[in-house]
C-alpha atoms as a PDB file:
ATOM      1  CA  MET A   1     -69.036 -25.687 -74.952  1.00  0.00           C
ATOM      2  CA  LYS A   2     -70.942 -22.444 -74.533  1.00  0.00           C
ATOM      3  CA  VAL A   3     -72.063 -21.485 -71.010  1.00  0.00           C
ATOM      4  CA  THR A   4     -74.479 -18.660 -70.237  1.00  0.00           C
ATOM      5  CA  ILE A   5     -75.124 -17.051 -66.861  1.00  0.00           C
ATOM      6  CA  LYS A   6     -77.578 -14.282 -66.083  1.00  0.00           C
ATOM      7  CA  LYS A   7     -76.078 -10.954 -65.019  1.00  0.00           C
ATOM      8  CA  GLU A   8     -77.961 -11.061 -61.703  1.00  0.00           C
ATOM      9  CA  ASP A   9     -76.521 -14.521 -60.950  1.00  0.00           C
ATOM     10  CA  TYR A  10     -73.025 -13.299 -61.826  1.00  0.00           C
ATOM     11  CA  GLU A  11     -73.583 -10.383 -59.415  1.00  0.00           C
ATOM     12  CA  LYS A  12     -74.612 -12.853 -56.667  1.00  0.00           C
ATOM     13  CA  LEU A  13     -71.390 -14.830 -57.158  1.00  0.00           C
ATOM     14  CA  LEU A  14     -69.341 -11.647 -57.144  1.00  0.00           C
ATOM     15  CA  GLU A  15     -70.910 -10.240 -53.968  1.00  0.00           C
ATOM     16  CA  HIS A  16     -70.576 -13.576 -52.158  1.00  0.00           C
ATOM     17  CA  ALA A  17     -66.933 -13.931 -53.231  1.00  0.00           C
ATOM     18  CA  LYS A  18     -66.142 -10.400 -52.058  1.00  0.00           C
ATOM     19  CA  SER A  19     -67.854 -11.011 -48.720  1.00  0.00           C
ATOM     20  CA  GLU A  20     -65.807 -14.185 -48.143  1.00  0.00           C
ATOM     21  CA  ARG A  21     -62.418 -12.585 -48.775  1.00  0.00           C
ATOM     22  CA  PRO A  22     -59.678 -13.336 -47.913  1.00  0.00           C
ATOM     23  CA  ASN A  23     -60.990 -16.923 -48.181  1.00  0.00           C
ATOM     24  CA  GLU A  24     -62.141 -18.666 -51.331  1.00  0.00           C
ATOM     25  CA  ALA A  25     -65.905 -18.692 -51.831  1.00  0.00           C
ATOM     26  CA  CYS A  26     -67.638 -21.626 -53.489  1.00  0.00           C
ATOM     27  CA  GLY A  27     -70.885 -23.109 -54.669  1.00  0.00           C
ATOM     28  CA  LEU A  28     -72.731 -24.997 -57.368  1.00  0.00           C
ATOM     29  CA  VAL A  29     -74.451 -24.054 -60.619  1.00  0.00           C
ATOM     30  CA  ALA A  30     -77.519 -25.687 -62.135  1.00  0.00           C
ATOM     31  CA  GLY A  31     -79.707 -25.234 -65.160  1.00  0.00           C
ATOM     32  CA  LYS A  32     -80.302 -26.798 -68.551  1.00  0.00           C
ATOM     33  CA  ASP A  33     -77.886 -28.520 -70.918  1.00  0.00           C
ATOM     34  CA  VAL A  34     -79.387 -28.105 -74.405  1.00  0.00           C
ATOM     35  CA  ASP A  35     -77.650 -29.054 -77.664  1.00  0.00           C
ATOM     36  CA  GLY A  36     -74.157 -28.553 -76.257  1.00  0.00           C
ATOM     37  CA  GLU A  37     -75.017 -25.243 -74.603  1.00  0.00           C
ATOM     38  CA  ARG A  38     -75.271 -24.851 -70.868  1.00  0.00           C
ATOM     39  CA  HIS A  39     -77.690 -22.311 -69.472  1.00  0.00           C
ATOM     40  CA  ILE A  40     -77.104 -21.596 -65.787  1.00  0.00           C
ATOM     41  CA  GLU A  41     -80.494 -20.895 -64.243  1.00  0.00           C
ATOM     42  CA  LYS A  42     -79.618 -21.035 -60.548  1.00  0.00           C
ATOM     43  CA  VAL A  43     -76.468 -20.457 -58.514  1.00  0.00           C
ATOM     44  CA  TYR A  44     -75.881 -21.848 -55.061  1.00  0.00           C
ATOM     45  CA  LEU A  45     -73.738 -19.872 -52.626  1.00  0.00           C
ATOM     46  CA  LEU A  46     -72.281 -22.465 -50.276  1.00  0.00           C
ATOM     47  CA  THR A  47     -69.857 -22.546 -47.361  1.00  0.00           C
ATOM     48  CA  ASN A  48     -66.154 -23.247 -47.805  1.00  0.00           C
ATOM     49  CA  ILE A  49     -65.584 -25.341 -44.696  1.00  0.00           C
ATOM     50  CA  ASP A  50     -61.795 -25.043 -45.162  1.00  0.00           C
ATOM     51  CA  HIS A  51     -61.897 -21.260 -44.549  1.00  0.00           C
ATOM     52  CA  THR A  52     -58.706 -20.633 -46.519  1.00  0.00           C
ATOM     53  CA  ASN A  53     -57.596 -18.572 -49.528  1.00  0.00           C
ATOM     54  CA  GLU A  54     -55.861 -21.529 -51.209  1.00  0.00           C
ATOM     55  CA  HIS A  55     -58.600 -24.140 -51.660  1.00  0.00           C
ATOM     56  CA  PHE A  56     -62.190 -24.975 -50.889  1.00  0.00           C
ATOM     57  CA  THR A  57     -64.330 -27.826 -49.666  1.00  0.00           C
ATOM     58  CA  ILE A  58     -68.086 -27.414 -50.060  1.00  0.00           C
ATOM     59  CA  ASP A  59     -70.109 -28.084 -46.907  1.00  0.00           C
ATOM     60  CA  PRO A  60     -71.540 -31.604 -47.544  1.00  0.00           C
ATOM     61  CA  LYS A  61     -74.926 -30.837 -45.937  1.00  0.00           C
ATOM     62  CA  GLU A  62     -75.335 -27.722 -48.062  1.00  0.00           C
ATOM     63  CA  GLN A  63     -74.261 -29.654 -51.170  1.00  0.00           C
ATOM     64  CA  LEU A  64     -76.893 -32.341 -50.533  1.00  0.00           C
ATOM     65  CA  ALA A  65     -79.579 -29.703 -49.910  1.00  0.00           C
ATOM     66  CA  SER A  66     -78.605 -27.999 -53.190  1.00  0.00           C
ATOM     67  CA  ILE A  67     -78.878 -31.252 -55.161  1.00  0.00           C
ATOM     68  CA  LYS A  68     -82.316 -31.903 -53.629  1.00  0.00           C
ATOM     69  CA  ASP A  69     -83.370 -28.369 -54.602  1.00  0.00           C
ATOM     70  CA  MET A  70     -82.115 -28.908 -58.175  1.00  0.00           C
ATOM     71  CA  ARG A  71     -84.207 -32.079 -58.465  1.00  0.00           C
ATOM     72  CA  LYS A  72     -87.269 -30.308 -57.065  1.00  0.00           C
ATOM     73  CA  GLU A  73     -86.790 -27.424 -59.534  1.00  0.00           C
ATOM     74  CA  GLY A  74     -86.186 -29.769 -62.502  1.00  0.00           C
ATOM     75  CA  LEU A  75     -82.646 -28.454 -63.007  1.00  0.00           C
ATOM     76  CA  THR A  76     -79.517 -30.335 -64.000  1.00  0.00           C
ATOM     77  CA  PRO A  77     -76.294 -29.980 -61.989  1.00  0.00           C
ATOM     78  CA  LEU A  78     -73.890 -28.233 -64.384  1.00  0.00           C
ATOM     79  CA  GLY A  79     -70.810 -27.824 -62.218  1.00  0.00           C
ATOM     80  CA  ASN A  80     -69.321 -25.723 -59.484  1.00  0.00           C
ATOM     81  CA  TRP A  81     -67.776 -22.316 -58.987  1.00  0.00           C
ATOM     82  CA  HIS A  82     -65.198 -20.873 -56.662  1.00  0.00           C
ATOM     83  CA  SER A  83     -63.225 -17.707 -56.254  1.00  0.00           C
ATOM     84  CA  HIS A  84     -59.524 -17.016 -56.433  1.00  0.00           C
ATOM     85  CA  PRO A  85     -59.107 -14.043 -54.080  1.00  0.00           C
ATOM     86  CA  GLU A  86     -55.464 -13.419 -55.014  1.00  0.00           C
ATOM     87  CA  SER A  87     -54.776 -15.294 -58.254  1.00  0.00           C
ATOM     88  CA  PRO A  88     -55.954 -15.370 -61.891  1.00  0.00           C
ATOM     89  CA  SER A  89     -59.126 -17.010 -63.204  1.00  0.00           C
ATOM     90  CA  ARG A  90     -57.581 -20.312 -64.254  1.00  0.00           C
ATOM     91  CA  PRO A  91     -57.454 -23.734 -62.602  1.00  0.00           C
ATOM     92  CA  SER A  92     -54.649 -24.148 -60.097  1.00  0.00           C
ATOM     93  CA  GLU A  93     -52.771 -27.445 -59.903  1.00  0.00           C
ATOM     94  CA  GLU A  94     -54.990 -28.393 -56.954  1.00  0.00           C
ATOM     95  CA  ASP A  95     -58.134 -27.432 -58.895  1.00  0.00           C
ATOM     96  CA  LYS A  96     -57.037 -29.753 -61.692  1.00  0.00           C
ATOM     97  CA  ARG A  97     -56.151 -32.565 -59.304  1.00  0.00           C
ATOM     98  CA  LEU A  98     -59.563 -32.355 -57.594  1.00  0.00           C
ATOM     99  CA  ALA A  99     -61.588 -32.046 -60.821  1.00  0.00           C
ATOM    100  CA  ASN A 100     -63.097 -35.508 -61.040  1.00  0.00           C
ATOM    101  CA  ASP A 101     -66.265 -34.908 -63.082  1.00  0.00           C
ATOM    102  CA  SER A 102     -65.519 -34.596 -66.794  1.00  0.00           C
ATOM    103  CA  ARG A 103     -69.151 -33.541 -67.413  1.00  0.00           C
ATOM    104  CA  ALA A 104     -68.905 -30.498 -65.125  1.00  0.00           C
ATOM    105  CA  SER A 105     -68.153 -26.899 -65.925  1.00  0.00           C
ATOM    106  CA  TYR A 106     -65.736 -25.356 -63.461  1.00  0.00           C
ATOM    107  CA  LEU A 107     -66.269 -21.619 -63.027  1.00  0.00           C
ATOM    108  CA  ILE A 108     -63.489 -19.574 -61.439  1.00  0.00           C
ATOM    109  CA  LEU A 109     -63.967 -15.969 -60.352  1.00  0.00           C
ATOM    110  CA  SER A 110     -60.728 -14.034 -59.892  1.00  0.00           C
ATOM    111  CA  LEU A 111     -60.681 -11.094 -57.492  1.00  0.00           C
ATOM    112  CA  GLU A 112     -56.957 -10.551 -58.039  1.00  0.00           C
ATOM    113  CA  ASP A 113     -57.766  -7.121 -59.524  1.00  0.00           C
ATOM    114  CA  SER A 114     -60.712  -6.131 -57.343  1.00  0.00           C
ATOM    115  CA  GLU A 115     -61.715  -3.363 -59.750  1.00  0.00           C
ATOM    116  CA  ASN A 116     -61.876  -5.824 -62.655  1.00  0.00           C
ATOM    117  CA  PRO A 117     -63.066  -9.263 -61.501  1.00  0.00           C
ATOM    118  CA  VAL A 118     -62.790 -12.034 -64.096  1.00  0.00           C
ATOM    119  CA  LEU A 119     -65.103 -15.046 -64.398  1.00  0.00           C
ATOM    120  CA  ASN A 120     -64.130 -17.934 -66.667  1.00  0.00           C
ATOM    121  CA  ALA A 121     -65.520 -21.427 -67.218  1.00  0.00           C
ATOM    122  CA  PHE A 122     -63.377 -24.497 -67.825  1.00  0.00           C
ATOM    123  CA  HIS A 123     -63.755 -28.133 -68.840  1.00  0.00           C
ATOM    124  CA  ILE A 124     -61.262 -30.422 -67.099  1.00  0.00           C
ATOM    125  CA  GLU A 125     -60.825 -34.098 -67.896  1.00  0.00           C
ATOM    126  CA  GLY A 126     -58.278 -36.866 -67.831  1.00  0.00           C
ATOM    127  CA  SER A 127     -56.528 -39.110 -65.346  1.00  0.00           C
ATOM    128  CA  ASP A 128     -54.612 -37.924 -62.304  1.00  0.00           C
ATOM    129  CA  GLY A 129     -51.335 -37.824 -64.180  1.00  0.00           C
ATOM    130  CA  GLU A 130     -52.631 -35.981 -67.239  1.00  0.00           C
ATOM    131  CA  LYS A 131     -55.462 -33.487 -66.925  1.00  0.00           C
ATOM    132  CA  THR A 132     -56.560 -31.478 -69.946  1.00  0.00           C
ATOM    133  CA  VAL A 133     -58.017 -28.025 -69.357  1.00  0.00           C
ATOM    134  CA  ARG A 134     -60.100 -26.294 -72.005  1.00  0.00           C
ATOM    135  CA  LYS A 135     -61.594 -22.853 -71.565  1.00  0.00           C
ATOM    136  CA  GLU A 136     -65.306 -22.755 -72.299  1.00  0.00           C
ATOM    137  CA  GLU A 137     -67.085 -19.805 -73.900  1.00  0.00           C
ATOM    138  CA  LEU A 138     -68.817 -17.953 -71.051  1.00  0.00           C
ATOM    139  CA  ILE A 139     -71.448 -15.345 -71.789  1.00  0.00           C
ATOM    140  CA  ILE A 140     -73.087 -13.102 -69.204  1.00  0.00           C
ATOM    141  CA  VAL A 141     -76.611 -12.298 -70.426  1.00  0.00           C
END
């Protein structure tokens, strides 16, 4: 799967993630899914109600408002994003355990090296005992 995100949307994620440190930042991504390519057209910067650097829970009211906005804008929910303030851009065991939508792209922004942040997209599927993680091609345009 190829995923594209506009540079200005990447910058929004990055600034939000930096502002939330030391906690994880989180949100949703929406856009168009065309011929096996995902084009992120809007990012949602939401509240991590857990306020911790080890996991996130998206504020349910904000999540619902985001989904309503996506419908109004004619966008498709494509997945979610969150930051790893102190670890690499790859799904943690908890990320894998909580990944329950095999259609979603899971974007992880690592701030481990604050001078060189890393954003990756992943596809996660499978049952609780056996989750398969595949890195998706992510292009910042």
